[in-house]
Amino acid sequence: MIPESVVNRFANKNRLSSEQSLNLHMQLDSFLTRAVENKINLSPSKEIDTVWHDFILDTKEYANYCMLKFGKFIHHVPSTYDCGVAQCKADEAY
């Protein structure tokens, strides 16, 4: 589970309720889980990508979450597609 401190920080930073932030972080958790379990690269929605960007900046919490949940660090790899919006993929190579 994504730490409550991460969820609360994102809520405060983005003027969201705790419930809204928790919902977004649960979607991020689901996205990463699908990518790892299916061993495929997936592109998140722009909204979930924003949540992921915020979480990954808290490197200690993000690394701890990845190790506890997946047993490895899940990298954020920018997409090579030029479609005008930021896209990222879950890369489990490391």
C-alpha atoms as a PDB file:
ATOM      1  CA  MET A   1       0.000   0.000   0.000  1.00  0.00           C
ATOM      2  CA  ILE A   2       1.193   3.484  -0.781  1.00  0.00           C
ATOM      3  CA  PRO A   3       2.115   5.289   2.452  1.00  0.00           C
ATOM      4  CA  GLU A   4      -0.513   7.561   3.966  1.00  0.00           C
ATOM      5  CA  SER A   5       2.039  10.372   4.201  1.00  0.00           C
ATOM      6  CA  VAL A   6       2.463  10.285   0.418  1.00  0.00           C
ATOM      7  CA  VAL A   7      -1.310  10.317  -0.132  1.00  0.00           C
ATOM      8  CA  ASN A   8      -1.795  13.216   2.294  1.00  0.00           C
ATOM      9  CA  ARG A   9       1.057  15.262   0.851  1.00  0.00           C
ATOM     10  CA  PHE A  10      -0.375  14.910  -2.654  1.00  0.00           C
ATOM     11  CA  ALA A  11      -3.845  15.879  -1.389  1.00  0.00           C
ATOM     12  CA  ASN A  12      -2.532  19.010   0.305  1.00  0.00           C
ATOM     13  CA  LYS A  13      -0.300  19.978  -2.599  1.00  0.00           C
ATOM     14  CA  ASN A  14      -3.133  19.615  -5.121  1.00  0.00           C
ATOM     15  CA  ARG A  15      -6.026  20.805  -2.935  1.00  0.00           C
ATOM     16  CA  LEU A  16      -7.758  17.440  -3.031  1.00  0.00           C
ATOM     17  CA  SER A  17      -9.621  15.609  -0.332  1.00  0.00           C
ATOM     18  CA  SER A  18      -7.832  12.695   1.287  1.00  0.00           C
ATOM     19  CA  GLU A  19     -10.366  10.392  -0.364  1.00  0.00           C
ATOM     20  CA  GLN A  20      -9.664  11.797  -3.839  1.00  0.00           C
ATOM     21  CA  SER A  21      -5.929  11.457  -3.360  1.00  0.00           C
ATOM     22  CA  LEU A  22      -6.293   7.941  -1.990  1.00  0.00           C
ATOM     23  CA  ASN A  23      -8.405   6.972  -5.002  1.00  0.00           C
ATOM     24  CA  LEU A  24      -5.732   8.277  -7.385  1.00  0.00           C
ATOM     25  CA  HIS A  25      -2.981   6.457  -5.515  1.00  0.00           C
ATOM     26  CA  MET A  26      -5.018   3.241  -5.570  1.00  0.00           C
ATOM     27  CA  GLN A  27      -5.277   3.658  -9.356  1.00  0.00           C
ATOM     28  CA  LEU A  28      -1.496   4.108  -9.533  1.00  0.00           C
ATOM     29  CA  ASP A  29      -1.001   0.979  -7.418  1.00  0.00           C
ATOM     30  CA  SER A  30      -3.327  -0.945  -9.731  1.00  0.00           C
ATOM     31  CA  PHE A  31      -1.520   0.351 -12.826  1.00  0.00           C
ATOM     32  CA  LEU A  32       1.898  -0.673 -11.528  1.00  0.00           C
ATOM     33  CA  THR A  33       0.594  -4.049 -10.375  1.00  0.00           C
ATOM     34  CA  ARG A  34      -0.894  -4.774 -13.815  1.00  0.00           C
ATOM     35  CA  ALA A  35       2.343  -3.783 -15.538  1.00  0.00           C
ATOM     36  CA  VAL A  36       4.483  -5.995 -13.310  1.00  0.00           C
ATOM     37  CA  GLU A  37       2.146  -9.014 -13.150  1.00  0.00           C
ATOM     38  CA  ASN A  38       1.616  -9.039 -16.911  1.00  0.00           C
ATOM     39  CA  LYS A  39       5.294  -8.261 -17.619  1.00  0.00           C
ATOM     40  CA  ILE A  40       4.301  -5.587 -20.108  1.00  0.00           C
ATOM     41  CA  ASN A  41       4.875  -1.893 -20.548  1.00  0.00           C
ATOM     42  CA  LEU A  42       1.769   0.193 -20.009  1.00  0.00           C
ATOM     43  CA  SER A  43       1.124   3.897 -20.392  1.00  0.00           C
ATOM     44  CA  PRO A  44      -0.857   5.490 -17.568  1.00  0.00           C
ATOM     45  CA  SER A  45      -3.456   8.184 -17.983  1.00  0.00           C
ATOM     46  CA  LYS A  46      -2.132  11.727 -17.695  1.00  0.00           C
ATOM     47  CA  GLU A  47      -3.724  12.006 -14.247  1.00  0.00           C
ATOM     48  CA  ILE A  48      -2.094   8.823 -12.958  1.00  0.00           C
ATOM     49  CA  ASP A  49       1.211   9.845 -14.535  1.00  0.00           C
ATOM     50  CA  THR A  50       1.063  13.061 -12.477  1.00  0.00           C
ATOM     51  CA  VAL A  51       0.508  11.019  -9.312  1.00  0.00           C
ATOM     52  CA  TRP A  52       3.396   8.721 -10.250  1.00  0.00           C
ATOM     53  CA  HIS A  53       5.711  11.673 -10.880  1.00  0.00           C
ATOM     54  CA  ASP A  54       4.906  13.085  -7.453  1.00  0.00           C
ATOM     55  CA  PHE A  55       5.396   9.752  -5.691  1.00  0.00           C
ATOM     56  CA  ILE A  56       8.672   8.893  -7.399  1.00  0.00           C
ATOM     57  CA  LEU A  57      10.179  12.209  -6.240  1.00  0.00           C
ATOM     58  CA  ASP A  58       9.959  10.876  -2.679  1.00  0.00           C
ATOM     59  CA  THR A  59      12.681   8.413  -3.592  1.00  0.00           C
ATOM     60  CA  LYS A  60      12.974   6.687  -0.220  1.00  0.00           C
ATOM     61  CA  GLU A  61       9.225   6.049   0.133  1.00  0.00           C
ATOM     62  CA  TYR A  62       8.859   5.046  -3.531  1.00  0.00           C
ATOM     63  CA  ALA A  63      11.810   2.630  -3.411  1.00  0.00           C
ATOM     64  CA  ASN A  64      10.500   1.099  -0.170  1.00  0.00           C
ATOM     65  CA  TYR A  65       7.009   0.698  -1.657  1.00  0.00           C
ATOM     66  CA  CYS A  66       8.413  -0.989  -4.777  1.00  0.00           C
ATOM     67  CA  MET A  67      10.586  -3.392  -2.805  1.00  0.00           C
ATOM     68  CA  LEU A  68       7.789  -4.355  -0.407  1.00  0.00           C
ATOM     69  CA  LYS A  69       5.115  -4.682  -3.096  1.00  0.00           C
ATOM     70  CA  PHE A  70       7.091  -6.075  -6.045  1.00  0.00           C
ATOM     71  CA  GLY A  71      10.463  -7.155  -4.678  1.00  0.00           C
ATOM     72  CA  LYS A  72      12.207  -4.770  -7.084  1.00  0.00           C
ATOM     73  CA  PHE A  73      12.316  -1.127  -8.101  1.00  0.00           C
ATOM     74  CA  ILE A  74       9.835  -0.165 -10.817  1.00  0.00           C
ATOM     75  CA  HIS A  75      11.363   2.416 -13.118  1.00  0.00           C
ATOM     76  CA  HIS A  76       9.513   5.254 -14.772  1.00  0.00           C
ATOM     77  CA  VAL A  77      10.579   5.290 -18.409  1.00  0.00           C
ATOM     78  CA  PRO A  78       9.488   8.120 -20.718  1.00  0.00           C
ATOM     79  CA  SER A  79       7.715   6.969 -23.831  1.00  0.00           C
ATOM     80  CA  THR A  80       9.350   7.465 -27.198  1.00  0.00           C
ATOM     81  CA  TYR A  81       6.014   8.326 -28.799  1.00  0.00           C
ATOM     82  CA  ASP A  82       5.598  11.925 -29.915  1.00  0.00           C
ATOM     83  CA  CYS A  83       1.895  12.454 -29.303  1.00  0.00           C
ATOM     84  CA  GLY A  84       1.951  15.785 -27.510  1.00  0.00           C
ATOM     85  CA  VAL A  85       1.327  14.415 -24.014  1.00  0.00           C
ATOM     86  CA  ALA A  86       3.666  12.818 -21.522  1.00  0.00           C
ATOM     87  CA  GLN A  87       3.425   9.057 -21.472  1.00  0.00           C
ATOM     88  CA  CYS A  88       5.393   6.685 -19.304  1.00  0.00           C
ATOM     89  CA  LYS A  89       5.853   2.969 -18.970  1.00  0.00           C
ATOM     90  CA  ALA A  90       6.515   0.676 -16.067  1.00  0.00           C
ATOM     91  CA  ASP A  91       9.895  -0.896 -16.741  1.00  0.00           C
ATOM     92  CA  GLU A  92      10.800  -3.798 -14.529  1.00  0.00           C
ATOM     93  CA  ALA A  93      14.179  -4.506 -16.051  1.00  0.00           C
ATOM     94  CA  TYR A  94      16.136  -3.685 -12.894  1.00  0.00           C
END
